[in-house]
Amino acid sequence: MESAALKKYLIQVADQLTPESTLEDVIEQLSLLADIDESENDEALGNVISQDDLEKKSKKWLK
């Protein structure tokens, strides 16, 4: 994750903190945002598979 994106996400998460929030909550939210960011980048680069291909691959995995 780029430092600019990390800073943006830190600010976003910090704005949503409550007195009950823990460091684990912050890390969980940052991890989720990083995963979403990575998925969107993969999609933009065309690194995706179709639903049909996923179903075929998962059948092989689950044997």
N, C-alpha and C. Protein backbone atom coordinates (compact mmCIF):
# COMPACT_ATOMS: atom_id res chain seq x y z
N MET A 1 0.85 -1.17 0.00
CA MET A 1 0.00 0.00 0.00
C MET A 1 0.90 1.23 0.00
N GLU A 2 0.54 2.19 -0.80
CA GLU A 2 1.30 3.43 -0.88
C GLU A 2 1.12 4.24 0.39
N SER A 3 2.12 5.06 0.71
CA SER A 3 2.04 5.85 1.93
C SER A 3 0.90 6.87 1.87
N ALA A 4 0.62 7.40 0.68
CA ALA A 4 -0.49 8.35 0.55
C ALA A 4 -1.82 7.67 0.84
N ALA A 5 -1.98 6.45 0.34
CA ALA A 5 -3.21 5.70 0.60
C ALA A 5 -3.31 5.34 2.07
N LEU A 6 -2.18 4.93 2.66
CA LEU A 6 -2.18 4.59 4.07
C LEU A 6 -2.59 5.78 4.92
N LYS A 7 -2.07 6.96 4.61
CA LYS A 7 -2.42 8.17 5.35
C LYS A 7 -3.92 8.46 5.23
N LYS A 8 -4.43 8.33 4.01
CA LYS A 8 -5.87 8.57 3.78
C LYS A 8 -6.70 7.59 4.61
N TYR A 9 -6.30 6.32 4.62
CA TYR A 9 -7.03 5.31 5.36
C TYR A 9 -6.91 5.53 6.87
N LEU A 10 -5.74 5.94 7.33
CA LEU A 10 -5.58 6.22 8.76
C LEU A 10 -6.51 7.33 9.22
N ILE A 11 -6.60 8.37 8.41
CA ILE A 11 -7.50 9.48 8.74
C ILE A 11 -8.95 9.01 8.73
N GLN A 12 -9.31 8.21 7.74
CA GLN A 12 -10.67 7.69 7.64
C GLN A 12 -11.02 6.85 8.86
N VAL A 13 -10.11 5.96 9.25
CA VAL A 13 -10.36 5.10 10.42
C VAL A 13 -10.38 5.93 11.69
N ALA A 14 -9.48 6.88 11.82
CA ALA A 14 -9.41 7.72 13.02
C ALA A 14 -10.70 8.51 13.21
N ASP A 15 -11.29 8.96 12.12
CA ASP A 15 -12.55 9.71 12.21
C ASP A 15 -13.70 8.86 12.73
N GLN A 16 -13.58 7.54 12.61
CA GLN A 16 -14.65 6.64 13.03
C GLN A 16 -14.41 6.02 14.40
N LEU A 17 -13.31 6.37 15.04
CA LEU A 17 -13.00 5.78 16.35
C LEU A 17 -13.99 6.22 17.41
N THR A 18 -14.28 5.31 18.29
CA THR A 18 -15.12 5.61 19.46
C THR A 18 -14.26 5.37 20.69
N PRO A 19 -14.72 5.79 21.85
CA PRO A 19 -13.94 5.52 23.07
C PRO A 19 -13.72 4.03 23.31
N GLU A 20 -14.58 3.20 22.77
CA GLU A 20 -14.46 1.75 22.96
C GLU A 20 -13.52 1.09 21.95
N SER A 21 -13.10 1.83 20.93
CA SER A 21 -12.24 1.27 19.88
C SER A 21 -10.90 0.83 20.46
N THR A 22 -10.40 -0.28 19.91
CA THR A 22 -9.12 -0.80 20.34
C THR A 22 -8.13 -0.73 19.19
N LEU A 23 -6.88 -0.98 19.49
CA LEU A 23 -5.87 -1.02 18.45
C LEU A 23 -6.19 -2.14 17.46
N GLU A 24 -6.72 -3.24 17.95
CA GLU A 24 -7.13 -4.34 17.07
C GLU A 24 -8.19 -3.88 16.08
N ASP A 25 -9.13 -3.05 16.53
CA ASP A 25 -10.16 -2.52 15.64
C ASP A 25 -9.53 -1.69 14.52
N VAL A 26 -8.56 -0.87 14.88
CA VAL A 26 -7.89 -0.02 13.90
C VAL A 26 -7.15 -0.88 12.88
N ILE A 27 -6.41 -1.86 13.36
CA ILE A 27 -5.65 -2.74 12.46
C ILE A 27 -6.59 -3.52 11.55
N GLU A 28 -7.70 -3.99 12.10
CA GLU A 28 -8.68 -4.73 11.30
C GLU A 28 -9.24 -3.86 10.18
N GLN A 29 -9.59 -2.62 10.51
CA GLN A 29 -10.14 -1.72 9.50
C GLN A 29 -9.11 -1.38 8.44
N LEU A 30 -7.86 -1.12 8.86
CA LEU A 30 -6.80 -0.82 7.89
C LEU A 30 -6.55 -2.01 6.97
N SER A 31 -6.57 -3.20 7.53
CA SER A 31 -6.37 -4.40 6.74
C SER A 31 -7.49 -4.57 5.72
N LEU A 32 -8.72 -4.35 6.15
CA LEU A 32 -9.86 -4.45 5.25
C LEU A 32 -9.74 -3.44 4.11
N LEU A 33 -9.40 -2.20 4.44
CA LEU A 33 -9.27 -1.17 3.41
C LEU A 33 -8.13 -1.49 2.45
N ALA A 34 -7.04 -2.04 2.96
CA ALA A 34 -5.92 -2.44 2.10
C ALA A 34 -6.33 -3.57 1.17
N ASP A 35 -7.09 -4.53 1.68
CA ASP A 35 -7.55 -5.64 0.85
C ASP A 35 -8.49 -5.14 -0.25
N ILE A 36 -9.37 -4.23 0.09
CA ILE A 36 -10.28 -3.66 -0.91
C ILE A 36 -9.49 -2.92 -1.97
N ASP A 37 -8.51 -2.13 -1.52
CA ASP A 37 -7.66 -1.38 -2.45
C ASP A 37 -6.92 -2.32 -3.40
N GLU A 38 -6.37 -3.40 -2.85
CA GLU A 38 -5.66 -4.38 -3.67
C GLU A 38 -6.60 -5.05 -4.67
N SER A 39 -7.80 -5.38 -4.24
CA SER A 39 -8.78 -6.00 -5.13
C SER A 39 -9.18 -5.07 -6.27
N GLU A 40 -9.37 -3.80 -5.95
CA GLU A 40 -9.73 -2.83 -6.99
C GLU A 40 -8.59 -2.65 -7.98
N ASN A 41 -7.35 -2.67 -7.49
CA ASN A 41 -6.20 -2.57 -8.39
C ASN A 41 -6.11 -3.80 -9.29
N ASP A 42 -6.33 -4.98 -8.73
CA ASP A 42 -6.32 -6.21 -9.52
C ASP A 42 -7.39 -6.16 -10.62
N GLU A 43 -8.56 -5.68 -10.25
CA GLU A 43 -9.64 -5.58 -11.23
C GLU A 43 -9.28 -4.61 -12.35
N ALA A 44 -8.69 -3.49 -11.99
CA ALA A 44 -8.30 -2.50 -13.00
C ALA A 44 -7.25 -3.05 -13.95
N LEU A 45 -6.40 -3.95 -13.45
CA LEU A 45 -5.37 -4.55 -14.28
C LEU A 45 -5.86 -5.78 -15.04
N GLY A 46 -7.12 -6.15 -14.79
CA GLY A 46 -7.69 -7.30 -15.48
C GLY A 46 -7.34 -8.63 -14.83
N ASN A 47 -6.84 -8.60 -13.62
CA ASN A 47 -6.48 -9.82 -12.89
C ASN A 47 -7.69 -10.38 -12.16
N VAL A 48 -8.67 -10.81 -12.94
CA VAL A 48 -9.90 -11.36 -12.39
C VAL A 48 -10.25 -12.64 -13.14
N ILE A 49 -11.12 -13.44 -12.54
CA ILE A 49 -11.63 -14.63 -13.23
C ILE A 49 -13.15 -14.58 -13.21
N SER A 50 -13.74 -15.26 -14.16
CA SER A 50 -15.20 -15.27 -14.26
C SER A 50 -15.80 -16.17 -13.18
N GLN A 51 -17.07 -16.00 -12.95
CA GLN A 51 -17.78 -16.83 -11.98
C GLN A 51 -17.71 -18.30 -12.39
N ASP A 52 -17.88 -18.57 -13.68
CA ASP A 52 -17.80 -19.96 -14.17
C ASP A 52 -16.43 -20.57 -13.91
N ASP A 53 -15.37 -19.82 -14.20
CA ASP A 53 -14.01 -20.32 -13.96
C ASP A 53 -13.78 -20.57 -12.47
N LEU A 54 -14.28 -19.68 -11.64
CA LEU A 54 -14.14 -19.85 -10.20
C LEU A 54 -14.84 -21.12 -9.72
N GLU A 55 -16.03 -21.36 -10.24
CA GLU A 55 -16.76 -22.56 -9.85
C GLU A 55 -16.03 -23.83 -10.29
N LYS A 56 -15.45 -23.81 -11.51
CA LYS A 56 -14.70 -24.96 -11.99
C LYS A 56 -13.46 -25.20 -11.12
N LYS A 57 -12.74 -24.15 -10.80
CA LYS A 57 -11.54 -24.29 -9.98
C LYS A 57 -11.88 -24.74 -8.56
N SER A 58 -12.96 -24.20 -8.01
CA SER A 58 -13.30 -24.56 -6.63
C SER A 58 -13.74 -26.03 -6.54
N LYS A 59 -14.35 -26.55 -7.60
CA LYS A 59 -14.72 -27.97 -7.60
C LYS A 59 -13.48 -28.85 -7.52
N LYS A 60 -12.42 -28.43 -8.23
CA LYS A 60 -11.16 -29.17 -8.19
C LYS A 60 -10.54 -29.08 -6.79
N TRP A 61 -10.60 -27.90 -6.17
CA TRP A 61 -10.01 -27.70 -4.86
C TRP A 61 -10.73 -28.50 -3.78
N LEU A 62 -12.03 -28.66 -3.94
CA LEU A 62 -12.84 -29.27 -2.89
C LEU A 62 -12.95 -30.79 -3.02
N LYS A 63 -12.24 -31.38 -3.97
CA LYS A 63 -12.28 -32.84 -4.14
C LYS A 63 -11.51 -33.53 -3.04
